[in-house]
N, C-alpha and C. Protein backbone atom coordinates (compact mmCIF):
# COMPACT_ATOMS: atom_id res chain seq x y z
N UNK A 1 174.82 82.08 131.61
CA UNK A 1 175.65 83.15 131.05
C UNK A 1 175.00 84.50 131.37
N UNK A 2 175.80 85.41 131.88
CA UNK A 2 175.26 86.72 132.25
C UNK A 2 175.11 87.61 131.01
N UNK A 3 174.21 88.55 131.13
CA UNK A 3 173.90 89.47 130.04
C UNK A 3 174.93 90.60 130.00
N UNK A 4 175.23 91.08 128.81
CA UNK A 4 176.14 92.21 128.68
C UNK A 4 175.48 93.49 129.18
N UNK A 5 176.30 94.37 129.71
CA UNK A 5 175.86 95.64 130.24
C UNK A 5 176.70 96.74 129.61
N UNK A 6 176.11 97.90 129.37
CA UNK A 6 176.84 99.05 128.85
C UNK A 6 177.31 99.94 129.99
N UNK A 7 178.52 100.45 129.87
CA UNK A 7 179.11 101.37 130.83
C UNK A 7 179.62 102.60 130.09
N UNK A 8 179.51 103.75 130.73
CA UNK A 8 180.14 104.97 130.20
C UNK A 8 181.27 105.33 131.16
N UNK A 9 182.43 105.64 130.61
CA UNK A 9 183.62 105.98 131.38
C UNK A 9 183.94 107.45 131.14
N UNK A 10 184.06 108.21 132.24
CA UNK A 10 184.37 109.64 132.14
C UNK A 10 185.50 109.99 133.08
N UNK A 11 186.11 111.15 132.83
CA UNK A 11 187.14 111.68 133.73
C UNK A 11 186.98 113.20 133.81
N UNK A 12 187.42 113.76 134.91
CA UNK A 12 187.44 115.21 135.07
C UNK A 12 188.82 115.78 134.72
N UNK A 13 189.72 114.90 134.33
CA UNK A 13 191.07 115.35 133.96
C UNK A 13 191.07 115.91 132.54
N UNK A 14 192.04 116.72 132.27
CA UNK A 14 192.17 117.32 130.95
C UNK A 14 191.32 118.57 130.85
N UNK A 15 191.27 119.14 129.66
CA UNK A 15 190.48 120.35 129.45
C UNK A 15 190.10 120.45 127.98
N UNK A 16 189.16 121.30 127.72
CA UNK A 16 188.79 121.64 126.35
C UNK A 16 188.79 123.16 126.23
N UNK A 17 188.65 123.63 125.01
CA UNK A 17 188.62 125.07 124.75
C UNK A 17 187.38 125.41 123.94
N UNK A 18 186.86 126.61 124.20
CA UNK A 18 185.77 127.08 123.34
C UNK A 18 186.39 127.62 122.05
N UNK A 19 185.58 128.01 121.08
CA UNK A 19 186.13 128.48 119.80
C UNK A 19 187.08 129.68 119.92
N UNK A 20 186.97 130.45 121.01
CA UNK A 20 187.87 131.60 121.20
C UNK A 20 189.14 131.22 121.96
N UNK A 21 189.30 129.95 122.29
CA UNK A 21 190.51 129.50 122.98
C UNK A 21 190.43 129.56 124.49
N UNK A 22 189.27 129.93 125.04
CA UNK A 22 189.10 130.01 126.49
C UNK A 22 188.91 128.60 127.06
N UNK A 23 189.62 128.29 128.16
CA UNK A 23 189.53 126.97 128.78
C UNK A 23 188.15 126.75 129.38
N UNK A 24 187.64 125.54 129.21
CA UNK A 24 186.33 125.15 129.73
C UNK A 24 186.53 123.94 130.64
N UNK A 25 186.09 124.03 131.89
CA UNK A 25 186.16 122.89 132.79
C UNK A 25 184.94 122.01 132.57
N UNK A 26 185.19 120.75 132.29
CA UNK A 26 184.10 119.81 132.09
C UNK A 26 184.61 118.40 132.23
N UNK A 27 183.76 117.43 132.02
CA UNK A 27 184.15 116.03 132.03
C UNK A 27 184.44 115.58 130.61
N UNK A 28 185.35 114.66 130.49
CA UNK A 28 185.69 114.08 129.19
C UNK A 28 185.13 112.66 129.15
N UNK A 29 184.41 112.33 128.11
CA UNK A 29 183.93 110.96 127.92
C UNK A 29 185.06 110.16 127.30
N UNK A 30 185.48 109.11 127.99
CA UNK A 30 186.55 108.26 127.48
C UNK A 30 186.00 107.15 126.60
N UNK A 31 184.76 106.79 126.82
CA UNK A 31 184.16 105.77 125.97
C UNK A 31 182.92 105.17 126.59
N UNK A 32 182.15 104.51 125.74
CA UNK A 32 180.99 103.73 126.17
C UNK A 32 181.26 102.32 125.67
N UNK A 33 181.31 101.37 126.59
CA UNK A 33 181.65 99.99 126.22
C UNK A 33 180.70 99.00 126.87
N UNK A 34 180.60 97.85 126.24
CA UNK A 34 179.74 96.78 126.70
C UNK A 34 180.59 95.64 127.23
N UNK A 35 180.09 94.97 128.27
CA UNK A 35 180.79 93.80 128.81
C UNK A 35 179.90 93.03 129.75
N UNK A 36 180.26 91.78 129.98
CA UNK A 36 179.53 90.97 130.97
C UNK A 36 179.82 91.48 132.38
N UNK A 37 180.99 92.12 132.54
CA UNK A 37 181.38 92.70 133.82
C UNK A 37 181.98 94.07 133.57
N UNK A 38 182.11 94.85 134.63
CA UNK A 38 182.77 96.15 134.54
C UNK A 38 184.21 95.97 134.08
N UNK A 39 184.88 94.95 134.60
CA UNK A 39 186.28 94.72 134.24
C UNK A 39 186.43 94.45 132.75
N UNK A 40 185.50 93.69 132.17
CA UNK A 40 185.56 93.41 130.73
C UNK A 40 185.39 94.69 129.91
N UNK A 41 184.44 95.53 130.30
CA UNK A 41 184.23 96.80 129.60
C UNK A 41 185.45 97.71 129.78
N UNK A 42 186.04 97.70 130.96
CA UNK A 42 187.22 98.52 131.23
C UNK A 42 188.39 98.11 130.35
N UNK A 43 188.57 96.82 130.12
CA UNK A 43 189.65 96.35 129.24
C UNK A 43 189.50 96.95 127.84
N UNK A 44 188.27 97.04 127.37
CA UNK A 44 188.03 97.61 126.04
C UNK A 44 188.40 99.09 126.00
N UNK A 45 188.07 99.82 127.07
CA UNK A 45 188.42 101.25 127.13
C UNK A 45 189.93 101.41 127.20
N UNK A 46 190.59 100.58 128.00
CA UNK A 46 192.06 100.63 128.10
C UNK A 46 192.70 100.44 126.73
N UNK A 47 192.16 99.50 125.94
CA UNK A 47 192.72 99.25 124.61
C UNK A 47 192.63 100.50 123.73
N UNK A 48 191.56 101.28 123.89
CA UNK A 48 191.38 102.50 123.09
C UNK A 48 192.33 103.62 123.51
N UNK A 49 192.73 103.62 124.79
CA UNK A 49 193.54 104.71 125.33
C UNK A 49 194.97 104.27 125.65
N UNK A 50 195.50 103.30 124.92
CA UNK A 50 196.88 102.87 125.15
C UNK A 50 197.82 104.06 125.01
N UNK A 51 198.77 104.15 125.93
CA UNK A 51 199.72 105.25 125.89
C UNK A 51 199.27 106.46 126.70
N UNK A 52 198.03 106.45 127.17
CA UNK A 52 197.51 107.54 128.00
C UNK A 52 197.27 107.02 129.40
N UNK A 53 197.26 107.92 130.37
CA UNK A 53 197.01 107.54 131.75
C UNK A 53 196.10 108.58 132.40
N UNK A 54 195.07 108.11 133.08
CA UNK A 54 194.15 108.98 133.80
C UNK A 54 194.09 108.52 135.25
N UNK A 55 194.14 109.44 136.18
CA UNK A 55 194.14 109.10 137.60
C UNK A 55 192.74 109.03 138.19
N UNK A 56 191.78 109.74 137.61
CA UNK A 56 190.43 109.79 138.19
C UNK A 56 189.41 109.48 137.10
N UNK A 57 188.95 108.23 137.08
CA UNK A 57 187.98 107.79 136.08
C UNK A 57 186.73 107.31 136.81
N UNK A 58 185.58 107.68 136.28
CA UNK A 58 184.30 107.27 136.86
C UNK A 58 183.57 106.44 135.81
N UNK A 59 183.01 105.31 136.25
CA UNK A 59 182.25 104.45 135.35
C UNK A 59 180.81 104.39 135.84
N UNK A 60 179.87 104.64 134.95
CA UNK A 60 178.44 104.52 135.25
C UNK A 60 177.88 103.35 134.46
N UNK A 61 177.14 102.49 135.13
CA UNK A 61 176.44 101.43 134.41
C UNK A 61 175.19 102.05 133.83
N UNK A 62 174.99 101.87 132.54
CA UNK A 62 173.85 102.46 131.85
C UNK A 62 172.67 101.52 131.95
N UNK A 63 171.54 102.02 132.44
CA UNK A 63 170.33 101.20 132.56
C UNK A 63 169.86 100.80 131.17
N UNK A 64 169.25 99.63 131.07
CA UNK A 64 168.76 99.16 129.78
C UNK A 64 167.52 99.96 129.37
N UNK A 65 167.16 99.83 128.10
CA UNK A 65 166.01 100.58 127.59
C UNK A 65 164.71 100.21 128.27
N UNK A 66 164.61 98.98 128.74
CA UNK A 66 163.37 98.57 129.40
C UNK A 66 163.36 98.95 130.88
N UNK A 67 164.38 99.71 131.30
CA UNK A 67 164.44 100.19 132.67
C UNK A 67 165.05 99.21 133.65
N UNK A 68 165.47 98.05 133.16
CA UNK A 68 166.09 97.05 134.03
C UNK A 68 167.47 97.53 134.46
N UNK A 69 167.80 97.27 135.69
CA UNK A 69 169.13 97.62 136.18
C UNK A 69 169.18 99.02 136.76
N UNK A 70 170.00 99.17 137.78
CA UNK A 70 170.16 100.48 138.40
C UNK A 70 171.44 101.11 137.89
N UNK A 71 171.52 102.44 137.89
CA UNK A 71 172.72 103.12 137.39
C UNK A 71 173.84 103.13 138.43
N UNK A 72 174.53 101.99 138.58
CA UNK A 72 175.63 101.90 139.54
C UNK A 72 176.73 102.89 139.16
N UNK A 73 177.42 103.39 140.17
CA UNK A 73 178.54 104.32 139.95
C UNK A 73 179.80 103.67 140.51
N UNK A 74 180.86 103.66 139.73
CA UNK A 74 182.13 103.11 140.16
C UNK A 74 183.21 104.14 139.91
N UNK A 75 184.02 104.41 140.92
CA UNK A 75 185.16 105.30 140.75
C UNK A 75 186.39 104.44 140.55
N UNK A 76 187.05 104.60 139.43
CA UNK A 76 188.26 103.87 139.15
C UNK A 76 189.43 104.72 139.61
N UNK A 77 190.32 104.12 140.35
CA UNK A 77 191.43 104.90 140.88
C UNK A 77 192.35 105.40 139.79
N UNK A 78 192.44 104.66 138.71
CA UNK A 78 193.21 105.15 137.57
C UNK A 78 192.87 104.32 136.35
N UNK A 79 193.15 104.85 135.20
CA UNK A 79 192.99 104.15 133.94
C UNK A 79 194.34 104.22 133.25
N UNK A 80 195.13 103.22 133.50
CA UNK A 80 196.44 103.15 132.88
C UNK A 80 196.52 101.79 132.20
N UNK A 81 197.67 101.44 131.75
CA UNK A 81 197.81 100.14 131.10
C UNK A 81 198.02 99.03 132.12
N UNK A 82 197.97 99.36 133.41
CA UNK A 82 198.15 98.37 134.46
C UNK A 82 196.82 97.65 134.72
N UNK A 83 196.72 96.36 134.40
CA UNK A 83 195.46 95.65 134.61
C UNK A 83 195.11 95.45 136.08
N UNK A 84 196.01 95.80 136.98
CA UNK A 84 195.76 95.63 138.42
C UNK A 84 195.18 96.88 139.07
N UNK A 85 194.87 97.92 138.28
CA UNK A 85 194.26 99.12 138.85
C UNK A 85 192.98 98.74 139.59
N UNK A 86 192.73 99.41 140.70
CA UNK A 86 191.60 99.05 141.54
C UNK A 86 190.33 99.74 141.10
N UNK A 87 189.22 99.06 141.35
CA UNK A 87 187.88 99.61 141.11
C UNK A 87 187.20 99.73 142.46
N UNK A 88 186.66 100.90 142.73
CA UNK A 88 185.98 101.17 143.99
C UNK A 88 184.52 101.45 143.69
N UNK A 89 183.62 100.72 144.31
CA UNK A 89 182.19 100.93 144.08
C UNK A 89 181.62 101.88 145.12
N UNK A 90 180.79 102.82 144.67
CA UNK A 90 180.11 103.73 145.59
C UNK A 90 178.77 103.16 146.02
N UNK A 91 178.45 102.01 145.59
CA UNK A 91 177.16 101.39 145.89
C UNK A 91 177.11 100.88 147.29
């Protein structure tokens, strides 16, 4: 049985505002989820964002506290309710 891994999912879509209402360009954290695979963690994030759709999502594998594992980067072509969305690895 494989060990669970934590992933952080972010997007550059959307915007935030500072307290004065000025737009700020930044990344939005969609969630941090654990799974035996990236796909399993992605399903958990999809469940949290039902009804929303993002076209550009990036997933980073978070290294464990003991330093095991490399911080893989995956660009997800979209985060919609379609389970067939493709995952592209930059590794």
